[in-house]
Amino acid sequence: MRTTARAVVPIIFVVSASLFVEGHNLPGGGFIAGVLTTTAFAVLYLAFGLDFLERGVLGRDVEPGKEPSRDRIVTAYRRLFTIGLVIAVTSGLVPLLFDLPFLTQSYVELEGVPIYDHVELASALAFDLGVYCVVVGGLLTILSVVGAE
């Protein structure tokens, strides 16, 4: 399981990032990228346990022989959920400041970007980021709480 996780998790993260970035132009975006990211975390959790998530992902020290606190991890996931909700709602409310309907989208074209040369940066990316954070935070909270049972 650990060997498979080492090979599969980076691939899941790359596919997730690709779906996230393409989401404002093609099907996909924040929701499916969040689900894939949560899948990667679930695989890490099953393969390496909660201790690995505490040390490796959240960067927190765990005393040797002591069980990591699930409350600290759940708090981090809930914080991610809250931040995502704020980003998504804010991205919907910003157009109202310019007398435009809720969730109105716009884009900016960037020229001369290295490697890509031409890039369109859409405001829908901010909404997708919020949805991504909500999905990852919510699903990881559920996995942690249910996993504790």
C-alpha atoms as a PDB file:
ATOM      1  CA  MET A   1       0.000   0.000   0.000  1.00  0.00           C
ATOM      2  CA  ARG A   2       2.780   2.442   0.896  1.00  0.00           C
ATOM      3  CA  THR A   3       4.658   1.770  -2.332  1.00  0.00           C
ATOM      4  CA  THR A   4       1.518   2.272  -4.379  1.00  0.00           C
ATOM      5  CA  ALA A   5       0.681   5.453  -2.462  1.00  0.00           C
ATOM      6  CA  ARG A   6       4.131   6.906  -3.211  1.00  0.00           C
ATOM      7  CA  ALA A   7       3.522   6.365  -6.925  1.00  0.00           C
ATOM      8  CA  VAL A   8      -0.165   7.242  -7.171  1.00  0.00           C
ATOM      9  CA  VAL A   9      -0.515  10.296  -4.901  1.00  0.00           C
ATOM     10  CA  PRO A  10       1.717  12.626  -6.998  1.00  0.00           C
ATOM     11  CA  ILE A  11      -0.198  11.611 -10.122  1.00  0.00           C
ATOM     12  CA  ILE A  12      -3.512  12.371  -8.402  1.00  0.00           C
ATOM     13  CA  PHE A  13      -2.218  15.811  -7.346  1.00  0.00           C
ATOM     14  CA  VAL A  14      -1.047  16.629 -10.902  1.00  0.00           C
ATOM     15  CA  VAL A  15      -4.398  15.598 -12.415  1.00  0.00           C
ATOM     16  CA  SER A  16      -6.181  17.589  -9.708  1.00  0.00           C
ATOM     17  CA  ALA A  17      -4.124  20.705 -10.470  1.00  0.00           C
ATOM     18  CA  SER A  18      -4.771  20.280 -14.189  1.00  0.00           C
ATOM     19  CA  LEU A  19      -8.530  19.980 -13.689  1.00  0.00           C
ATOM     20  CA  PHE A  20      -8.512  22.971 -11.350  1.00  0.00           C
ATOM     21  CA  VAL A  21      -6.719  25.249 -13.822  1.00  0.00           C
ATOM     22  CA  GLU A  22      -8.817  24.160 -16.816  1.00  0.00           C
ATOM     23  CA  GLY A  23     -12.094  24.436 -14.918  1.00  0.00           C
ATOM     24  CA  HIS A  24     -13.030  27.963 -15.944  1.00  0.00           C
ATOM     25  CA  ASN A  25     -12.809  27.091 -19.653  1.00  0.00           C
ATOM     26  CA  LEU A  26     -13.725  23.387 -19.666  1.00  0.00           C
ATOM     27  CA  PRO A  27     -15.743  21.030 -17.467  1.00  0.00           C
ATOM     28  CA  GLY A  28     -14.047  20.451 -14.159  1.00  0.00           C
ATOM     29  CA  GLY A  29     -12.730  23.072 -11.834  1.00  0.00           C
ATOM     30  CA  GLY A  30     -12.828  23.461  -8.109  1.00  0.00           C
ATOM     31  CA  PHE A  31     -15.236  20.673  -7.229  1.00  0.00           C
ATOM     32  CA  ILE A  32     -13.665  17.748  -9.056  1.00  0.00           C
ATOM     33  CA  ALA A  33     -10.137  18.966  -8.250  1.00  0.00           C
ATOM     34  CA  GLY A  34     -11.123  19.090  -4.582  1.00  0.00           C
ATOM     35  CA  VAL A  35     -12.532  15.572  -4.709  1.00  0.00           C
ATOM     36  CA  LEU A  36      -9.318  14.274  -6.306  1.00  0.00           C
ATOM     37  CA  THR A  37      -7.165  16.079  -3.739  1.00  0.00           C
ATOM     38  CA  THR A  38      -9.249  14.549  -0.951  1.00  0.00           C
ATOM     39  CA  THR A  39      -8.748  11.142  -2.564  1.00  0.00           C
ATOM     40  CA  ALA A  40      -4.982  11.672  -2.444  1.00  0.00           C
ATOM     41  CA  PHE A  41      -5.168  12.604   1.239  1.00  0.00           C
ATOM     42  CA  ALA A  42      -7.352   9.547   1.918  1.00  0.00           C
ATOM     43  CA  VAL A  43      -4.759   7.308   0.270  1.00  0.00           C
ATOM     44  CA  LEU A  44      -2.024   8.947   2.377  1.00  0.00           C
ATOM     45  CA  TYR A  45      -4.113   8.488   5.505  1.00  0.00           C
ATOM     46  CA  LEU A  46      -4.712   4.799   4.775  1.00  0.00           C
ATOM     47  CA  ALA A  47      -1.112   4.100   3.823  1.00  0.00           C
ATOM     48  CA  PHE A  48       0.813   6.124   6.406  1.00  0.00           C
ATOM     49  CA  GLY A  49      -1.662   7.008   9.166  1.00  0.00           C
ATOM     50  CA  LEU A  50      -2.584  10.183  10.984  1.00  0.00           C
ATOM     51  CA  ASP A  51       0.935  10.707  12.322  1.00  0.00           C
ATOM     52  CA  PHE A  52       2.244  11.245   8.769  1.00  0.00           C
ATOM     53  CA  LEU A  53      -0.462  13.820   8.041  1.00  0.00           C
ATOM     54  CA  GLU A  54       0.326  15.661  11.260  1.00  0.00           C
ATOM     55  CA  ARG A  55       4.090  15.812  10.628  1.00  0.00           C
ATOM     56  CA  GLY A  56       4.388  15.751   6.852  1.00  0.00           C
ATOM     57  CA  VAL A  57       1.396  17.737   5.661  1.00  0.00           C
ATOM     58  CA  LEU A  58       0.553  20.102   8.512  1.00  0.00           C
ATOM     59  CA  GLY A  59       4.193  20.492   9.608  1.00  0.00           C
ATOM     60  CA  ARG A  60       3.497  19.851  13.284  1.00  0.00           C
ATOM     61  CA  ASP A  61       5.731  17.936  15.641  1.00  0.00           C
ATOM     62  CA  VAL A  62       4.275  14.901  17.354  1.00  0.00           C
ATOM     63  CA  GLU A  63       5.923  13.591  20.494  1.00  0.00           C
ATOM     64  CA  PRO A  64       7.334  10.071  20.020  1.00  0.00           C
ATOM     65  CA  GLY A  65       4.974   7.438  21.352  1.00  0.00           C
ATOM     66  CA  LYS A  66       2.131   9.916  21.654  1.00  0.00           C
ATOM     67  CA  GLU A  67      -0.947   9.710  19.441  1.00  0.00           C
ATOM     68  CA  PRO A  68      -1.523  12.828  17.289  1.00  0.00           C
ATOM     69  CA  SER A  69      -4.557  14.892  18.157  1.00  0.00           C
ATOM     70  CA  ARG A  70      -7.439  14.471  15.733  1.00  0.00           C
ATOM     71  CA  ASP A  71      -8.893  17.722  17.021  1.00  0.00           C
ATOM     72  CA  ARG A  72      -5.918  19.701  15.671  1.00  0.00           C
ATOM     73  CA  ILE A  73      -6.281  18.136  12.237  1.00  0.00           C
ATOM     74  CA  VAL A  74     -10.056  18.604  12.147  1.00  0.00           C
ATOM     75  CA  THR A  75      -9.575  22.243  13.189  1.00  0.00           C
ATOM     76  CA  ALA A  76      -7.154  22.766  10.278  1.00  0.00           C
ATOM     77  CA  TYR A  77      -9.642  21.214   7.846  1.00  0.00           C
ATOM     78  CA  ARG A  78     -12.500  23.320   9.182  1.00  0.00           C
ATOM     79  CA  ARG A  79     -10.358  26.427   8.810  1.00  0.00           C
ATOM     80  CA  LEU A  80      -9.713  25.497   5.161  1.00  0.00           C
ATOM     81  CA  PHE A  81     -13.472  25.035   4.677  1.00  0.00           C
ATOM     82  CA  THR A  82     -14.182  28.475   6.166  1.00  0.00           C
ATOM     83  CA  ILE A  83     -11.506  30.199   4.087  1.00  0.00           C
ATOM     84  CA  GLY A  84     -12.898  28.561   0.937  1.00  0.00           C
ATOM     85  CA  LEU A  85     -16.423  29.681   1.750  1.00  0.00           C
ATOM     86  CA  VAL A  86     -15.234  33.262   2.265  1.00  0.00           C
ATOM     87  CA  ILE A  87     -13.323  33.219  -1.058  1.00  0.00           C
ATOM     88  CA  ALA A  88     -16.290  31.788  -3.001  1.00  0.00           C
ATOM     89  CA  VAL A  89     -18.821  34.235  -1.540  1.00  0.00           C
ATOM     90  CA  THR A  90     -16.457  37.189  -1.957  1.00  0.00           C
ATOM     91  CA  SER A  91     -15.830  36.317  -5.606  1.00  0.00           C
ATOM     92  CA  GLY A  92     -19.580  36.355  -6.138  1.00  0.00           C
ATOM     93  CA  LEU A  93     -20.116  39.643  -4.311  1.00  0.00           C
ATOM     94  CA  VAL A  94     -17.313  41.664  -5.946  1.00  0.00           C
ATOM     95  CA  PRO A  95     -19.290  42.225  -9.187  1.00  0.00           C
ATOM     96  CA  LEU A  96     -22.053  43.845  -7.126  1.00  0.00           C
ATOM     97  CA  LEU A  97     -19.588  46.656  -6.316  1.00  0.00           C
ATOM     98  CA  PHE A  98     -19.502  47.444 -10.057  1.00  0.00           C
ATOM     99  CA  ASP A  99     -23.295  47.290 -10.521  1.00  0.00           C
ATOM    100  CA  LEU A 100     -23.096  43.874 -12.180  1.00  0.00           C
ATOM    101  CA  PRO A 101     -25.164  40.775 -11.325  1.00  0.00           C
ATOM    102  CA  PHE A 102     -23.971  38.326  -8.643  1.00  0.00           C
ATOM    103  CA  LEU A 103     -21.212  35.970  -9.896  1.00  0.00           C
ATOM    104  CA  THR A 104     -20.588  37.933 -13.109  1.00  0.00           C
ATOM    105  CA  GLN A 105     -17.311  36.730 -14.572  1.00  0.00           C
ATOM    106  CA  SER A 106     -14.629  38.566 -16.516  1.00  0.00           C
ATOM    107  CA  TYR A 107     -11.114  37.809 -17.712  1.00  0.00           C
ATOM    108  CA  VAL A 108      -7.773  39.426 -18.455  1.00  0.00           C
ATOM    109  CA  GLU A 109      -5.477  38.393 -21.299  1.00  0.00           C
ATOM    110  CA  LEU A 110      -1.789  38.294 -20.439  1.00  0.00           C
ATOM    111  CA  GLU A 111       0.710  38.465 -23.307  1.00  0.00           C
ATOM    112  CA  GLY A 112       4.374  37.472 -23.292  1.00  0.00           C
ATOM    113  CA  VAL A 113       4.085  34.893 -20.506  1.00  0.00           C
ATOM    114  CA  PRO A 114       7.086  32.523 -20.571  1.00  0.00           C
ATOM    115  CA  ILE A 115       6.341  29.072 -22.022  1.00  0.00           C
ATOM    116  CA  TYR A 116       2.672  29.858 -22.748  1.00  0.00           C
ATOM    117  CA  ASP A 117       3.048  33.278 -24.437  1.00  0.00           C
ATOM    118  CA  HIS A 118      -0.703  34.003 -24.166  1.00  0.00           C
ATOM    119  CA  VAL A 119      -2.749  33.310 -21.010  1.00  0.00           C
ATOM    120  CA  GLU A 120      -6.339  34.184 -20.128  1.00  0.00           C
ATOM    121  CA  LEU A 121      -6.833  34.754 -16.399  1.00  0.00           C
ATOM    122  CA  ALA A 122     -10.538  34.470 -15.524  1.00  0.00           C
ATOM    123  CA  SER A 123     -12.219  35.701 -12.358  1.00  0.00           C
ATOM    124  CA  ALA A 124     -13.958  32.314 -12.235  1.00  0.00           C
ATOM    125  CA  LEU A 125     -10.618  30.970 -10.999  1.00  0.00           C
ATOM    126  CA  ALA A 126     -11.205  32.733  -7.651  1.00  0.00           C
ATOM    127  CA  PHE A 127     -14.614  31.081  -7.324  1.00  0.00           C
ATOM    128  CA  ASP A 128     -13.094  27.711  -8.257  1.00  0.00           C
ATOM    129  CA  LEU A 129     -10.422  28.210  -5.590  1.00  0.00           C
ATOM    130  CA  GLY A 130     -13.134  28.828  -3.008  1.00  0.00           C
ATOM    131  CA  VAL A 131     -15.079  25.747  -4.085  1.00  0.00           C
ATOM    132  CA  TYR A 132     -11.842  23.713  -4.057  1.00  0.00           C
ATOM    133  CA  CYS A 133     -11.082  24.757  -0.460  1.00  0.00           C
ATOM    134  CA  VAL A 134     -14.669  24.080   0.658  1.00  0.00           C
ATOM    135  CA  VAL A 135     -14.663  20.604  -0.882  1.00  0.00           C
ATOM    136  CA  VAL A 136     -11.226  19.637   0.448  1.00  0.00           C
ATOM    137  CA  GLY A 137     -11.904  21.043   3.906  1.00  0.00           C
ATOM    138  CA  GLY A 138     -15.371  19.533   4.144  1.00  0.00           C
ATOM    139  CA  LEU A 139     -14.502  16.072   2.857  1.00  0.00           C
ATOM    140  CA  LEU A 140     -11.327  15.807   4.934  1.00  0.00           C
ATOM    141  CA  THR A 141     -13.270  16.853   8.033  1.00  0.00           C
ATOM    142  CA  ILE A 142     -15.805  14.105   7.303  1.00  0.00           C
ATOM    143  CA  LEU A 143     -13.054  11.535   6.694  1.00  0.00           C
ATOM    144  CA  SER A 144     -11.263  12.479   9.909  1.00  0.00           C
ATOM    145  CA  VAL A 145     -14.373  12.415  12.066  1.00  0.00           C
ATOM    146  CA  VAL A 146     -15.707   9.185  10.572  1.00  0.00           C
ATOM    147  CA  GLY A 147     -12.225   7.646  10.671  1.00  0.00           C
ATOM    148  CA  ALA A 148     -12.016   8.386  14.394  1.00  0.00           C
ATOM    149  CA  GLU A 149     -15.136   6.281  14.971  1.00  0.00           C
END
